Amino acid sequence: MLLDLQELGELILLIKKQFGIDLSEYAKSSLQRRFHHLSVLNGLSSKPQLFEFIKNQTSKNSLVEKITVSTTEMFRDPGFWSFLRDDVLKTLAEKDSVSIWHLACSSGEEVVSMNILLQETGMHKKSKVLASDLNAYLLLKSEKAIYPERKLQTYKSNYSKIFEGGGFDSYFETDEHKQFRFKRNFLKQTDFSVFDLVLDHSNAKFDLILCRNVMIYFNADLQARVLQKLCDCLNPGGFLALGKNESILKSKAQNDLVPYHPSENIYRVY
């Protein structure tokens, strides 16, 4: 069941009224696919069934989890993390303190990756990391940093493409449930906070902001506003990392952002 634009508009209005989530400037085609997927998964064959299903969600977090895409893994795109280590962090190492913001951190694999990177480069103690997500439930998972053992080999393989040696295992401990947990002492420098990239604003300043594969779900106007919001949160000389399929074109932010590593979609403000 694929909603037409009028039906989609009605559903967006319902969600905003009932849960306070504004999806009006998300890409319509992306939302249509997400609601179609949601309908298939839950055996919903009509518009009334879908609307009733949405109305019956027990919480905002429950709804967000169902309609947003949370795809992440540790050290995903090893080339990106290698460049962060070899260039971006090496540049920021000259500062007395470093502030980093992970937006839409999902279940936290990217946040853990950054903490390992900071540890390996000797920058962990002087760095402060903020991890944020719209979904409070996912944010709690991110803070716990517990992952199923079946993912361990993939994460270890990604790590080995960036670092020599077998140091990956030293950051984790396993439990009786065949899960592996990131050691708590490595998350001491990280704060976790709910943040709605569309509605919320921050006055904090950061040296590195990672907002990867989030804005592909926004329309052009919202992308432009969010990019400007992120630019305003960067310290002079700060870096912004976007997903490979995201662009700063058609945004006023391109007046402030200078391409730093085009193939990895990393920009810098001066």
Protein backbone atom coordinates (compact mmCIF):
# COMPACT_ATOMS: atom_id res chain seq x y z
CA MET A 1 0.00 0.00 0.00
CA LEU A 2 1.62 3.21 -1.21
CA LEU A 3 0.04 6.41 0.13
CA ASP A 4 -0.67 9.19 -2.34
CA LEU A 5 0.52 12.69 -1.45
CA GLN A 6 -2.80 13.76 0.06
CA GLU A 7 -2.95 10.66 2.28
CA LEU A 8 0.69 11.15 3.23
CA GLY A 9 -0.06 14.75 4.21
CA GLU A 10 -2.92 13.60 6.43
CA LEU A 11 -0.68 11.06 8.14
CA ILE A 12 2.09 13.63 8.66
CA LEU A 13 -0.49 15.95 10.27
CA LEU A 14 -1.71 13.16 12.56
CA ILE A 15 1.84 12.33 13.67
CA LYS A 16 2.65 15.96 14.37
CA LYS A 17 -0.55 16.47 16.37
CA GLN A 18 -0.27 13.25 18.39
CA PHE A 19 3.49 12.90 18.87
CA GLY A 20 5.00 16.33 18.18
CA ILE A 21 7.17 14.98 15.36
CA ASP A 22 7.31 17.21 12.29
CA LEU A 23 7.85 15.17 9.14
CA SER A 24 6.47 17.80 6.78
CA GLU A 25 9.86 18.58 5.23
CA TYR A 26 11.13 15.05 4.94
CA ALA A 27 11.47 13.79 1.37
CA LYS A 28 8.01 12.60 0.37
CA SER A 29 9.24 9.62 -1.65
CA SER A 30 11.31 8.41 1.32
CA LEU A 31 8.32 8.67 3.67
CA GLN A 32 6.09 6.84 1.21
CA ARG A 33 8.59 3.98 1.12
CA ARG A 34 8.91 3.89 4.92
CA PHE A 35 5.15 3.75 5.50
CA HIS A 36 4.78 1.12 2.79
CA HIS A 37 7.47 -0.96 4.49
CA LEU A 38 5.78 -0.43 7.85
CA SER A 39 2.44 -1.58 6.40
CA VAL A 40 3.94 -4.73 4.86
CA LEU A 41 5.74 -5.67 8.08
CA ASN A 42 2.57 -5.32 10.13
CA GLY A 43 0.05 -6.77 7.67
CA LEU A 44 -1.75 -3.47 7.11
CA SER A 45 -3.66 -3.47 3.83
CA SER A 46 -5.59 -0.19 3.94
CA LYS A 47 -5.17 3.45 4.84
CA PRO A 48 -7.57 3.22 7.86
CA GLN A 49 -5.55 0.29 9.23
CA LEU A 50 -2.30 2.24 8.91
CA PHE A 51 -3.77 5.33 10.55
CA GLU A 52 -5.16 3.25 13.41
CA PHE A 53 -1.80 1.51 13.82
CA ILE A 54 -0.06 4.89 14.11
CA LYS A 55 -2.63 6.18 16.60
CA ASN A 56 -2.09 3.12 18.79
CA GLN A 57 1.65 3.57 19.17
CA THR A 58 2.41 3.75 22.87
CA SER A 59 5.07 6.44 22.70
CA LYS A 60 6.96 8.84 20.50
CA ASN A 61 10.03 6.60 20.74
CA SER A 62 8.06 3.59 19.57
CA LEU A 63 6.85 5.48 16.50
CA VAL A 64 10.25 6.98 15.69
CA GLU A 65 11.83 3.54 15.81
CA LYS A 66 9.31 2.22 13.29
CA ILE A 67 9.46 5.01 10.73
CA THR A 68 13.14 5.98 10.77
CA VAL A 69 16.04 4.12 9.18
CA SER A 70 18.74 3.10 11.65
CA THR A 71 21.55 1.46 9.72
CA THR A 72 24.99 1.64 11.25
CA GLU A 73 28.06 -0.42 12.03
CA MET A 74 31.41 0.08 13.71
CA PHE A 75 34.03 1.70 11.46
CA ARG A 76 31.66 1.61 8.50
CA ASP A 77 33.53 2.93 5.43
CA PRO A 78 37.07 2.30 6.80
CA GLY A 79 38.56 4.84 4.38
CA PHE A 80 36.55 7.59 6.05
CA TRP A 81 37.80 6.62 9.52
CA SER A 82 41.38 6.31 8.27
CA PHE A 83 41.22 9.87 6.98
CA LEU A 84 39.77 11.10 10.28
CA ARG A 85 42.68 9.46 12.10
CA ASP A 86 45.48 10.47 9.73
CA ASP A 87 44.40 14.01 8.93
CA VAL A 88 41.41 15.50 10.75
CA LEU A 89 42.31 14.35 14.27
CA LYS A 90 45.98 15.02 13.65
CA THR A 91 45.03 18.62 12.79
CA LEU A 92 42.77 18.95 15.85
CA ALA A 93 45.46 17.45 18.10
CA GLU A 94 47.13 20.88 18.16
CA LYS A 95 44.23 22.19 20.26
CA ASP A 96 44.18 22.01 24.06
CA SER A 97 40.71 20.44 24.00
CA VAL A 98 38.56 18.97 21.25
CA SER A 99 34.75 18.82 21.04
CA ILE A 100 32.94 16.34 18.77
CA TRP A 101 29.25 15.95 18.01
CA HIS A 102 27.64 12.79 16.57
CA LEU A 103 24.16 13.53 15.25
CA ALA A 104 21.62 10.75 14.72
CA CYS A 105 23.95 8.34 16.49
CA SER A 106 21.40 5.50 16.41
CA SER A 107 22.60 2.52 18.50
CA GLY A 108 26.04 4.05 18.95
CA GLU A 109 28.45 2.08 16.78
CA GLU A 110 29.81 5.28 15.26
CA VAL A 111 30.25 6.83 18.71
CA VAL A 112 32.19 3.77 19.88
CA SER A 113 34.31 3.96 16.73
CA MET A 114 35.19 7.56 17.49
CA ASN A 115 36.12 6.75 21.09
CA ILE A 116 38.44 3.99 19.88
CA LEU A 117 39.95 6.38 17.33
CA LEU A 118 40.55 8.99 20.03
CA GLN A 119 42.15 6.38 22.27
CA GLU A 120 44.43 5.09 19.50
CA THR A 121 45.56 8.62 18.62
CA GLY A 122 46.20 9.64 22.23
CA MET A 123 43.43 12.27 22.17
CA HIS A 124 40.83 10.57 24.34
CA LYS A 125 41.48 12.43 27.59
CA LYS A 126 41.35 15.88 26.03
CA SER A 127 38.28 15.23 23.87
CA LYS A 128 34.62 15.66 24.75
CA VAL A 129 32.03 13.80 22.68
CA LEU A 130 28.31 14.54 22.43
CA ALA A 131 26.09 11.80 20.99
CA SER A 132 22.51 12.71 20.09
CA ASP A 133 19.50 11.11 18.45
CA LEU A 134 15.79 11.85 18.06
CA ASN A 135 14.96 8.39 19.43
CA ALA A 136 15.48 8.20 23.20
CA TYR A 137 15.29 4.40 23.12
CA LEU A 138 18.13 4.14 20.59
CA LEU A 139 20.08 6.71 22.57
CA LEU A 140 19.86 4.48 25.63
CA LYS A 141 21.20 1.57 23.56
CA SER A 142 24.00 3.83 22.39
CA GLU A 143 24.90 4.71 25.96
CA LYS A 144 24.95 1.04 27.00
CA ALA A 145 27.15 0.15 24.00
CA ILE A 146 26.21 -3.54 24.03
CA TYR A 147 26.21 -5.38 20.70
CA PRO A 148 25.38 -8.95 19.58
CA GLU A 149 28.33 -11.27 19.17
CA ARG A 150 27.29 -12.06 15.58
CA LYS A 151 28.39 -8.56 14.58
CA LEU A 152 31.81 -8.86 16.19
CA GLN A 153 33.65 -10.26 13.17
CA THR A 154 32.38 -7.53 10.84
CA TYR A 155 33.41 -4.81 13.28
CA LYS A 156 36.76 -6.44 13.90
CA SER A 157 37.35 -6.72 10.14
CA ASN A 158 36.59 -3.01 9.67
CA TYR A 159 38.94 -2.14 12.53
CA SER A 160 41.76 -4.21 11.01
CA LYS A 161 41.54 -2.15 7.80
CA ILE A 162 42.41 0.96 9.81
CA PHE A 163 44.73 -0.26 12.57
CA GLU A 164 47.47 -2.86 12.52
CA GLY A 165 47.50 -5.51 15.21
CA GLY A 166 44.69 -7.06 17.23
CA GLY A 167 43.89 -4.26 19.65
CA PHE A 168 40.16 -4.34 18.97
CA ASP A 169 39.42 -7.02 21.58
CA SER A 170 40.96 -4.93 24.36
CA TYR A 171 38.07 -2.47 24.18
CA PHE A 172 35.33 -5.02 24.85
CA GLU A 173 34.17 -7.60 27.35
CA THR A 174 31.70 -10.40 26.66
CA ASP A 175 28.79 -11.55 28.82
CA GLU A 176 26.75 -14.70 29.31
CA HIS A 177 24.22 -13.59 26.68
CA LYS A 178 26.79 -13.77 23.87
CA GLN A 179 26.94 -10.01 23.65
CA PHE A 180 30.00 -7.81 23.70
CA ARG A 181 30.07 -4.59 25.70
CA PHE A 182 32.29 -1.59 25.09
CA LYS A 183 34.24 -1.01 28.31
CA ARG A 184 32.64 1.76 30.35
CA ASN A 185 35.83 3.69 31.04
CA PHE A 186 36.13 4.52 27.36
CA LEU A 187 32.76 6.31 27.38
CA LYS A 188 33.61 8.63 30.28
CA GLN A 189 34.21 11.50 27.85
CA THR A 190 30.87 11.03 26.08
CA ASP A 191 27.51 12.65 26.90
CA PHE A 192 24.21 11.44 25.44
CA SER A 193 21.28 13.75 24.71
CA VAL A 194 18.01 13.62 22.78
CA PHE A 195 18.13 16.12 19.91
CA ASP A 196 15.65 16.71 17.09
CA LEU A 197 17.71 17.93 14.15
CA VAL A 198 14.62 19.50 12.58
CA LEU A 199 13.17 21.37 15.57
CA ASP A 200 15.94 21.78 18.15
CA HIS A 201 18.78 24.30 18.23
CA SER A 202 22.14 24.27 19.96
CA ASN A 203 24.38 27.13 21.06
CA ALA A 204 27.32 24.80 21.68
CA LYS A 205 30.44 24.90 19.51
CA PHE A 206 32.29 21.90 18.12
CA ASP A 207 35.53 21.13 16.32
CA LEU A 208 34.10 18.14 14.46
CA ILE A 209 30.47 17.35 13.63
CA LEU A 210 29.44 14.03 12.11
CA CYS A 211 26.01 14.02 10.47
CA ARG A 212 26.24 11.15 8.02
CA ASN A 213 23.38 9.73 5.96
CA VAL A 214 20.72 11.76 7.75
CA MET A 215 19.86 14.57 5.35
CA ILE A 216 19.18 12.23 2.44
CA TYR A 217 15.73 11.89 4.04
CA PHE A 218 15.08 15.67 4.04
CA ASN A 219 13.80 17.88 1.25
CA ALA A 220 16.09 20.58 -0.18
CA ASP A 221 14.79 23.43 2.01
CA LEU A 222 15.22 21.46 5.22
CA GLN A 223 18.67 20.28 4.16
CA ALA A 224 19.71 23.89 3.66
CA ARG A 225 18.44 24.97 7.09
CA VAL A 226 20.05 22.03 8.86
CA LEU A 227 23.37 22.64 7.11
CA GLN A 228 23.34 26.25 8.22
CA LYS A 229 22.48 25.14 11.75
CA LEU A 230 25.49 22.83 11.76
CA CYS A 231 27.76 25.52 10.33
CA ASP A 232 26.74 27.83 13.15
CA CYS A 233 27.80 25.15 15.66
CA LEU A 234 31.34 24.78 14.26
CA ASN A 235 34.35 26.50 15.75
CA PRO A 236 36.60 28.34 13.27
CA GLY A 237 38.67 25.65 11.59
CA GLY A 238 36.09 23.01 12.51
CA PHE A 239 35.15 20.05 10.34
CA LEU A 240 31.78 18.74 9.12
CA ALA A 241 31.43 15.15 7.88
CA LEU A 242 28.40 14.23 5.78
CA GLY A 243 27.32 11.01 4.10
CA LYS A 244 28.73 10.29 0.66
CA ASN A 245 25.37 10.86 -1.05
CA GLU A 246 24.69 14.18 0.66
CA SER A 247 25.50 17.60 -0.76
CA ILE A 248 25.92 21.19 0.38
CA LEU A 249 24.87 22.53 -3.02
CA LYS A 250 21.81 24.82 -3.14
CA SER A 251 22.55 25.82 0.44
CA LYS A 252 23.91 29.07 1.83
CA ALA A 253 26.21 26.87 3.89
CA GLN A 254 28.38 26.40 0.82
CA ASN A 255 29.55 29.99 1.38
CA ASP A 256 31.00 28.90 4.74
CA LEU A 257 32.07 25.32 4.06
CA VAL A 258 35.24 24.59 2.10
CA PRO A 259 35.65 21.07 0.67
CA TYR A 260 38.43 19.40 2.65
CA HIS A 261 38.20 15.82 1.40
CA PRO A 262 35.60 15.74 -1.39
CA SER A 263 35.53 11.96 -1.86
CA GLU A 264 34.76 11.44 1.85
CA ASN A 265 32.44 14.48 1.90
CA ILE A 266 34.32 16.29 4.68
CA TYR A 267 34.22 20.10 4.84
CA ARG A 268 35.91 22.75 6.92
CA VAL A 269 35.04 26.28 8.02
CA TYR A 270 37.75 28.95 8.21
